[in-house]
Amino acid sequence: MTLKGCLAEQCSQAGFCVEKKARMKLVECKSIGNLSGCCAMRGGSIVNAVDTLFISNKEWGVDVADGAQAEFQGCTISKCVRHCMRVQASAATIVGCIIERSQSTHGLQITRSSTVEITECKFVENSGKGVFVGTKAEVTMQECETRANGTGGCWVESGGNLNVLNSLSHDDTLGCGVSEPGSLLTCDRVNVIRSVTQGVLVLGGAKAELRDCVALECGGDGVAVVESGSELLMHSGRIENNSGMGVAVRNGANGVLHEVSSGGNREGGFGSCGQGSSLNAVGCVSSDVTPFVKQSGGRIDTKGGKQVDPVSGVVEARTGGLHRWKSVAERK
């Protein structure tokens, strides 16, 4: 079935519904003020929506569940009371969509081993996370933007796997985060700017891999790794002008950095804080007033680092790694 230019409004159930191996294509349709904007249920059911609006629905804007398949292109899903879009135990492709202003939870929630590909989408001003990934879901995001989301841009937990490429998070409460053993966050060429708290947060035994990423002007640490079993691997990238540390490993966590640049961070460049915390920095560069911070038994191993005088810009190479830049008084 193909519907073009149709309106579903104020329905007590879904505006558009596909189930029992049926197929539906929506083109330039509108679903407004229904219980659910659109649902696809059970294996074999397929929904394809192009340039369609799902606005002010009372529960979900879009609900894809129980083995269904969905493809959304150029759609706007906005102002829904619960998630704007939910994908459970299903597969979905989302391209060029705007998912915004969920009133109580996340913009897009993906759970229960779902497989989802997201390209060139915007997640804006949702009450919870822009994108939430859980329960062993596999998600790829590329060339996307998250902005001003209430509890964070992207979040992974419960064994989920999120791969983010060429994307931007700005003015979110938290840029990107991952929690719980078995969960993995991978970021490649991701810029996180002006997060209210941390740019990237890794905790609860989860893992994160960052490559060529940037964390700027965040209200907390640029990158924070917290709790025993949590791990960070970071290759290159810039961590600058954050209110906390540039990269902070805390409370028994572990971090490995290769050729990361840090500067202008209020509490120091690279920090290891708490018994059992370990930070290994190889070939890193700091122009922070305090290049590294060790507190409460934390350990830092450095090799081949450079420090840059934050005033003069003079570079001093240290084969043993980073050292604290001496004050003007100490150098006299």
Protein backbone atom coordinates (compact mmCIF):
# COMPACT_ATOMS: atom_id res chain seq x y z
CA MET A 1 0.00 0.00 0.00
CA THR A 2 1.23 3.52 -0.87
CA LEU A 3 -0.33 6.63 0.68
CA LYS A 4 0.54 10.08 -0.62
CA GLY A 5 -0.49 13.40 0.91
CA CYS A 6 -2.75 11.76 3.50
CA LEU A 7 -3.63 13.13 6.96
CA ALA A 8 -4.20 11.03 10.09
CA GLU A 9 -5.34 13.21 12.99
CA GLN A 10 -6.64 12.69 16.55
CA CYS A 11 -6.92 8.89 16.24
CA SER A 12 -7.33 6.89 19.45
CA GLN A 13 -4.67 4.43 18.24
CA ALA A 14 -1.93 4.82 15.61
CA GLY A 15 -2.35 7.23 12.74
CA PHE A 16 -0.73 4.69 10.40
CA CYS A 17 -0.16 1.03 11.37
CA VAL A 18 1.56 -1.89 9.63
CA GLU A 19 1.51 -5.43 11.04
CA LYS A 20 1.28 -9.13 10.15
CA LYS A 21 3.81 -8.96 7.28
CA ALA A 22 2.05 -6.07 5.54
CA ARG A 23 3.85 -3.22 3.74
CA MET A 24 3.11 0.49 3.71
CA LYS A 25 4.76 3.48 2.05
CA LEU A 26 3.97 7.02 3.21
CA VAL A 27 4.84 9.96 0.97
CA GLU A 28 4.30 13.56 2.12
CA CYS A 29 1.76 12.48 4.73
CA LYS A 30 0.95 13.96 8.15
CA SER A 31 0.22 12.22 11.44
CA ILE A 32 -0.87 14.71 14.10
CA GLY A 33 -2.22 14.25 17.63
CA ASN A 34 -2.74 10.48 17.49
CA LEU A 35 -1.91 7.99 20.23
CA SER A 36 1.05 6.93 18.06
CA GLY A 37 2.06 8.55 14.81
CA CYS A 38 3.05 5.34 13.04
CA CYS A 39 3.72 1.77 14.14
CA ALA A 40 5.19 -1.28 12.45
CA MET A 41 4.77 -4.51 14.40
CA ARG A 42 5.94 -8.11 14.04
CA GLY A 43 8.36 -9.83 11.69
CA GLY A 44 7.92 -9.19 7.99
CA SER A 45 6.08 -5.89 8.45
CA ILE A 46 7.73 -3.05 6.51
CA VAL A 47 7.10 0.70 6.66
CA ASN A 48 8.75 3.26 4.38
CA ALA A 49 8.13 6.96 5.06
CA VAL A 50 9.36 9.82 2.85
CA ASP A 51 8.96 13.54 3.65
CA THR A 52 6.30 12.75 6.24
CA LEU A 53 5.46 14.67 9.45
CA PHE A 54 4.75 13.02 12.81
CA ILE A 55 3.81 15.78 15.24
CA SER A 56 2.35 16.03 18.77
CA ASN A 57 1.44 12.35 19.11
CA LYS A 58 0.48 11.28 22.62
CA GLU A 59 2.93 8.40 23.00
CA TRP A 60 5.45 7.68 20.22
CA GLY A 61 5.86 9.49 16.98
CA VAL A 62 7.09 6.24 15.42
CA ASP A 63 7.18 2.76 17.00
CA VAL A 64 8.99 -0.10 15.23
CA ALA A 65 8.94 -3.40 17.13
CA ASP A 66 9.13 -7.19 17.20
CA GLY A 67 11.04 -7.90 14.00
CA ALA A 68 9.59 -5.19 11.77
CA GLN A 69 11.64 -3.16 9.28
CA ALA A 70 11.52 0.58 8.71
CA GLU A 71 13.05 3.20 6.45
CA PHE A 72 12.52 6.91 7.09
CA GLN A 73 13.84 9.60 4.78
CA GLY A 74 13.41 13.36 5.12
CA CYS A 75 10.83 13.03 7.90
CA THR A 76 10.19 15.28 10.91
CA ILE A 77 9.21 13.63 14.20
CA SER A 78 8.42 16.28 16.79
CA LYS A 79 6.78 17.14 20.13
CA CYS A 80 5.73 13.63 21.11
CA VAL A 81 4.85 12.96 24.73
CA ARG A 82 7.16 9.95 25.02
CA HIS A 83 9.97 8.97 22.62
CA CYS A 84 9.76 10.62 19.24
CA MET A 85 10.91 7.29 17.77
CA ARG A 86 11.35 3.85 19.33
CA VAL A 87 12.96 0.78 17.71
CA GLN A 88 12.78 -2.57 19.56
CA ALA A 89 14.06 -5.91 18.25
CA SER A 90 13.86 -4.55 14.71
CA ALA A 91 15.88 -3.00 11.88
CA ALA A 92 15.68 0.59 10.68
CA THR A 93 17.38 3.04 8.34
CA ILE A 94 16.92 6.74 9.12
CA VAL A 95 18.21 9.35 6.66
CA GLY A 96 17.91 13.13 6.68
CA CYS A 97 15.33 13.28 9.47
CA ILE A 98 14.72 15.79 12.26
CA ILE A 99 13.85 14.22 15.61
CA GLU A 100 13.07 16.89 18.15
CA ARG A 101 11.38 18.01 21.35
CA SER A 102 10.27 14.76 22.92
CA GLN A 103 8.45 15.94 26.01
CA SER A 104 9.40 13.30 28.59
CA THR A 105 12.04 10.89 27.28
CA HIS A 106 14.47 10.39 24.40
CA GLY A 107 14.39 11.52 20.82
CA LEU A 108 15.31 8.06 19.46
CA GLN A 109 15.42 4.96 21.67
CA ILE A 110 16.96 1.78 20.22
CA THR A 111 16.89 -1.44 22.27
CA ARG A 112 16.57 -5.25 22.25
CA SER A 113 19.25 -6.18 19.70
CA SER A 114 17.94 -3.80 17.05
CA THR A 115 20.15 -2.84 14.10
CA VAL A 116 19.86 0.80 13.03
CA GLU A 117 21.72 3.05 10.59
CA ILE A 118 21.34 6.83 10.99
CA THR A 119 22.66 9.33 8.44
CA GLU A 120 22.48 13.13 8.23
CA CYS A 121 19.89 13.46 11.00
CA LYS A 122 19.36 16.12 13.67
CA PHE A 123 18.33 15.44 17.27
CA VAL A 124 17.29 18.69 18.91
CA GLU A 125 15.93 19.74 22.32
CA ASN A 126 14.65 16.35 23.41
CA SER A 127 13.82 16.01 27.10
CA GLY A 128 16.12 13.00 27.56
CA LYS A 129 18.92 11.85 25.28
CA GLY A 130 18.97 12.67 21.60
CA VAL A 131 19.86 9.02 20.85
CA PHE A 132 19.64 6.21 23.45
CA VAL A 133 21.14 2.79 22.66
CA GLY A 134 20.60 -0.19 24.97
CA THR A 135 20.19 -3.97 25.36
CA LYS A 136 22.71 -5.14 22.76
CA ALA A 137 21.50 -2.88 19.96
CA GLU A 138 23.95 -2.16 17.11
CA VAL A 139 23.81 1.42 15.84
CA THR A 140 25.82 3.50 13.37
CA MET A 141 25.45 7.29 13.21
CA GLN A 142 27.22 9.39 10.61
CA GLU A 143 27.12 13.06 9.69
CA CYS A 144 24.55 13.74 12.41
CA GLU A 145 23.99 16.60 14.84
CA THR A 146 22.72 16.59 18.42
CA ARG A 147 21.86 19.91 20.05
CA ALA A 148 20.52 21.06 23.42
CA ASN A 149 19.19 17.65 24.51
CA GLY A 150 18.10 17.56 28.14
CA THR A 151 20.25 14.71 29.48
CA GLY A 152 22.73 14.22 26.63
CA GLY A 153 23.36 13.91 22.93
CA CYS A 154 24.09 10.14 22.72
CA TRP A 155 24.07 7.43 25.39
CA VAL A 156 24.90 3.70 25.34
CA GLU A 157 24.22 1.09 28.04
CA SER A 158 23.21 -2.55 28.66
CA GLY A 159 25.60 -4.04 26.11
CA GLY A 160 24.74 -1.65 23.31
CA ASN A 161 27.24 -0.67 20.60
CA LEU A 162 27.20 2.82 19.07
CA ASN A 163 29.56 3.91 16.30
CA VAL A 164 29.50 7.68 15.62
CA LEU A 165 31.30 9.19 12.62
CA ASN A 166 31.76 12.76 11.34
CA SER A 167 29.19 14.16 13.74
CA LEU A 168 28.62 17.14 16.02
CA SER A 169 27.27 17.50 19.55
CA HIS A 170 26.81 21.02 20.85
CA ASP A 171 25.07 22.54 23.85
CA ASP A 172 23.84 19.14 25.08
CA THR A 173 23.84 18.48 28.83
CA LEU A 174 26.36 15.70 28.09
CA GLY A 175 27.96 15.15 24.70
CA CYS A 176 28.33 11.35 24.47
CA GLY A 177 28.29 8.71 27.20
CA VAL A 178 28.55 4.97 27.75
CA SER A 179 27.84 2.84 30.84
CA GLU A 180 27.87 -0.79 32.03
CA PRO A 181 30.11 -3.75 31.10
CA GLY A 182 29.86 -4.89 27.50
CA SER A 183 28.77 -1.48 26.22
CA LEU A 184 30.95 0.22 23.60
CA LEU A 185 31.04 3.77 22.27
CA THR A 186 33.21 4.42 19.21
CA CYS A 187 33.66 7.98 17.93
CA ASP A 188 35.60 8.94 14.79
CA ARG A 189 35.93 12.63 13.89
CA VAL A 190 33.27 13.73 16.37
CA ASN A 191 33.22 17.29 17.73
CA VAL A 192 31.71 17.92 21.16
CA ILE A 193 31.28 21.60 21.99
CA ARG A 194 29.86 23.44 25.02
CA SER A 195 28.38 20.47 26.84
CA VAL A 196 26.94 21.56 30.17
CA THR A 197 28.84 18.75 31.95
CA GLN A 198 31.39 16.39 30.36
CA GLY A 199 32.10 16.18 26.67
CA VAL A 200 32.49 12.38 26.77
CA LEU A 201 31.72 10.21 29.83
CA VAL A 202 32.71 6.56 30.27
CA LEU A 203 31.62 4.78 33.46
CA GLY A 204 30.37 1.58 35.03
CA GLY A 205 32.88 -0.74 33.33
CA ALA A 206 32.10 0.36 29.78
CA LYS A 207 34.59 1.09 26.97
CA ALA A 208 35.07 3.99 24.59
CA GLU A 209 37.35 4.41 21.58
CA LEU A 210 37.88 7.94 20.24
CA ARG A 211 39.80 8.90 17.11
CA ASP A 212 40.41 12.44 15.82
CA CYS A 213 37.77 13.82 18.18
CA VAL A 214 37.44 17.29 19.69
CA ALA A 215 36.02 18.35 23.09
CA LEU A 216 35.84 22.12 23.57
CA GLU A 217 34.44 24.49 26.18
CA CYS A 218 32.57 21.88 28.22
CA GLY A 219 31.37 22.65 31.74
CA GLY A 220 33.20 19.65 33.23
CA ASP A 221 36.02 17.44 31.97
CA GLY A 222 36.50 17.22 28.22
CA VAL A 223 36.71 13.42 28.52
CA ALA A 224 36.03 11.62 31.82
CA VAL A 225 36.57 7.91 32.52
CA VAL A 226 35.11 6.83 35.86
CA GLU A 227 35.02 3.64 37.96
CA SER A 228 36.96 0.38 37.96
CA GLY A 229 36.76 -1.53 34.69
CA SER A 230 35.97 1.51 32.56
CA GLU A 231 38.40 1.95 29.66
CA LEU A 232 39.30 4.69 27.20
CA LEU A 233 41.46 4.42 24.08
CA MET A 234 42.01 7.76 22.34
CA HIS A 235 44.03 8.44 19.18
CA SER A 236 44.83 12.07 18.34
CA GLY A 237 42.25 14.82 18.81
CA ARG A 238 42.05 18.13 20.70
CA ILE A 239 40.76 18.69 24.23
CA GLU A 240 40.68 22.42 24.95
CA ASN A 241 39.22 25.14 27.18
CA ASN A 242 37.12 22.88 29.38
CA SER A 243 36.16 23.88 32.93
CA GLY A 244 37.46 20.60 34.38
CA MET A 245 40.43 18.57 33.18
CA GLY A 246 41.13 17.83 29.55
CA VAL A 247 41.14 14.05 30.05
CA ALA A 248 40.40 12.70 33.54
CA VAL A 249 40.71 9.07 34.64
CA ARG A 250 39.06 8.57 38.03
CA ASN A 251 38.22 5.96 40.68
CA GLY A 252 40.11 2.98 39.27
CA ALA A 253 39.48 3.51 35.55
CA ASN A 254 42.08 3.14 32.78
CA GLY A 255 42.97 5.35 29.84
CA VAL A 256 45.45 5.12 26.94
CA LEU A 257 46.12 8.25 24.87
CA HIS A 258 48.14 8.58 21.65
CA GLU A 259 49.10 12.01 20.31
CA VAL A 260 46.30 13.91 22.02
CA SER A 261 46.56 17.70 22.29
CA SER A 262 45.35 19.49 25.42
CA GLY A 263 45.26 23.18 26.27
CA GLY A 264 43.44 25.82 28.29
CA ASN A 265 41.69 23.35 30.61
CA ARG A 266 41.00 24.93 33.99
CA GLU A 267 41.91 21.97 36.24
CA GLY A 268 44.80 20.58 34.16
CA GLY A 269 45.50 18.71 30.96
CA PHE A 270 45.69 14.99 31.78
CA GLY A 271 44.64 13.63 35.17
CA SER A 272 44.64 10.35 37.06
CA CYS A 273 42.71 10.54 40.31
CA GLY A 274 42.01 7.77 42.80
CA GLN A 275 43.62 4.49 43.82
CA GLY A 276 43.95 2.11 40.88
CA SER A 277 43.43 4.80 38.23
CA SER A 278 45.93 4.55 35.37
CA LEU A 279 46.62 6.89 32.47
CA ASN A 280 49.16 6.11 29.74
CA ALA A 281 49.94 9.14 27.54
CA VAL A 282 52.16 8.58 24.48
CA GLY A 283 53.28 11.47 22.30
CA CYS A 284 50.76 13.87 23.81
CA VAL A 285 51.07 17.67 23.80
CA SER A 286 49.91 20.05 26.52
CA SER A 287 49.77 23.82 26.68
CA ASP A 288 47.90 23.71 30.00
CA VAL A 289 49.36 25.58 32.96
CA THR A 290 49.26 22.20 34.74
CA PRO A 291 49.97 19.52 32.12
CA PHE A 292 49.20 16.55 34.36
CA VAL A 293 47.46 15.96 37.66
CA LYS A 294 47.97 12.95 39.94
CA GLN A 295 45.75 12.67 43.01
CA SER A 296 44.96 10.05 45.67
CA GLY A 297 47.13 7.27 44.27
CA GLY A 298 46.40 7.73 40.58
CA ARG A 299 49.20 6.80 38.15
CA ILE A 300 50.35 8.48 34.94
CA ASP A 301 52.89 6.96 32.54
CA THR A 302 54.14 9.26 29.79
CA LYS A 303 56.43 8.88 26.82
CA GLY A 304 57.54 11.17 24.03
CA GLY A 305 55.36 14.08 25.11
CA LYS A 306 55.72 17.81 24.58
CA GLN A 307 54.71 20.73 26.68
CA VAL A 308 54.02 24.17 25.31
CA ASP A 309 54.44 27.31 27.39
CA PRO A 310 50.88 28.71 27.52
CA VAL A 311 52.30 32.26 27.47
CA SER A 312 55.23 32.20 25.04
CA GLY A 313 54.24 29.19 22.93
CA VAL A 314 57.75 27.73 23.27
CA VAL A 315 57.76 23.94 22.80
CA GLU A 316 59.86 21.76 25.08
CA ALA A 317 60.18 18.09 24.13
CA ARG A 318 60.61 15.55 26.92
CA THR A 319 61.63 12.03 26.05
CA GLY A 320 60.18 10.90 29.35
CA GLY A 321 56.82 12.48 28.61
CA LEU A 322 55.02 15.48 30.03
CA HIS A 323 56.28 17.50 32.96
CA ARG A 324 54.73 20.41 34.79
CA TRP A 325 55.54 23.70 33.09
CA LYS A 326 57.51 25.85 35.53
CA SER A 327 56.17 29.22 36.54
CA VAL A 328 58.04 32.41 35.64
CA ALA A 329 59.31 32.69 39.23
CA GLU A 330 60.64 29.13 39.22
CA ARG A 331 62.55 29.69 35.98
CA LYS A 332 64.49 32.69 37.35
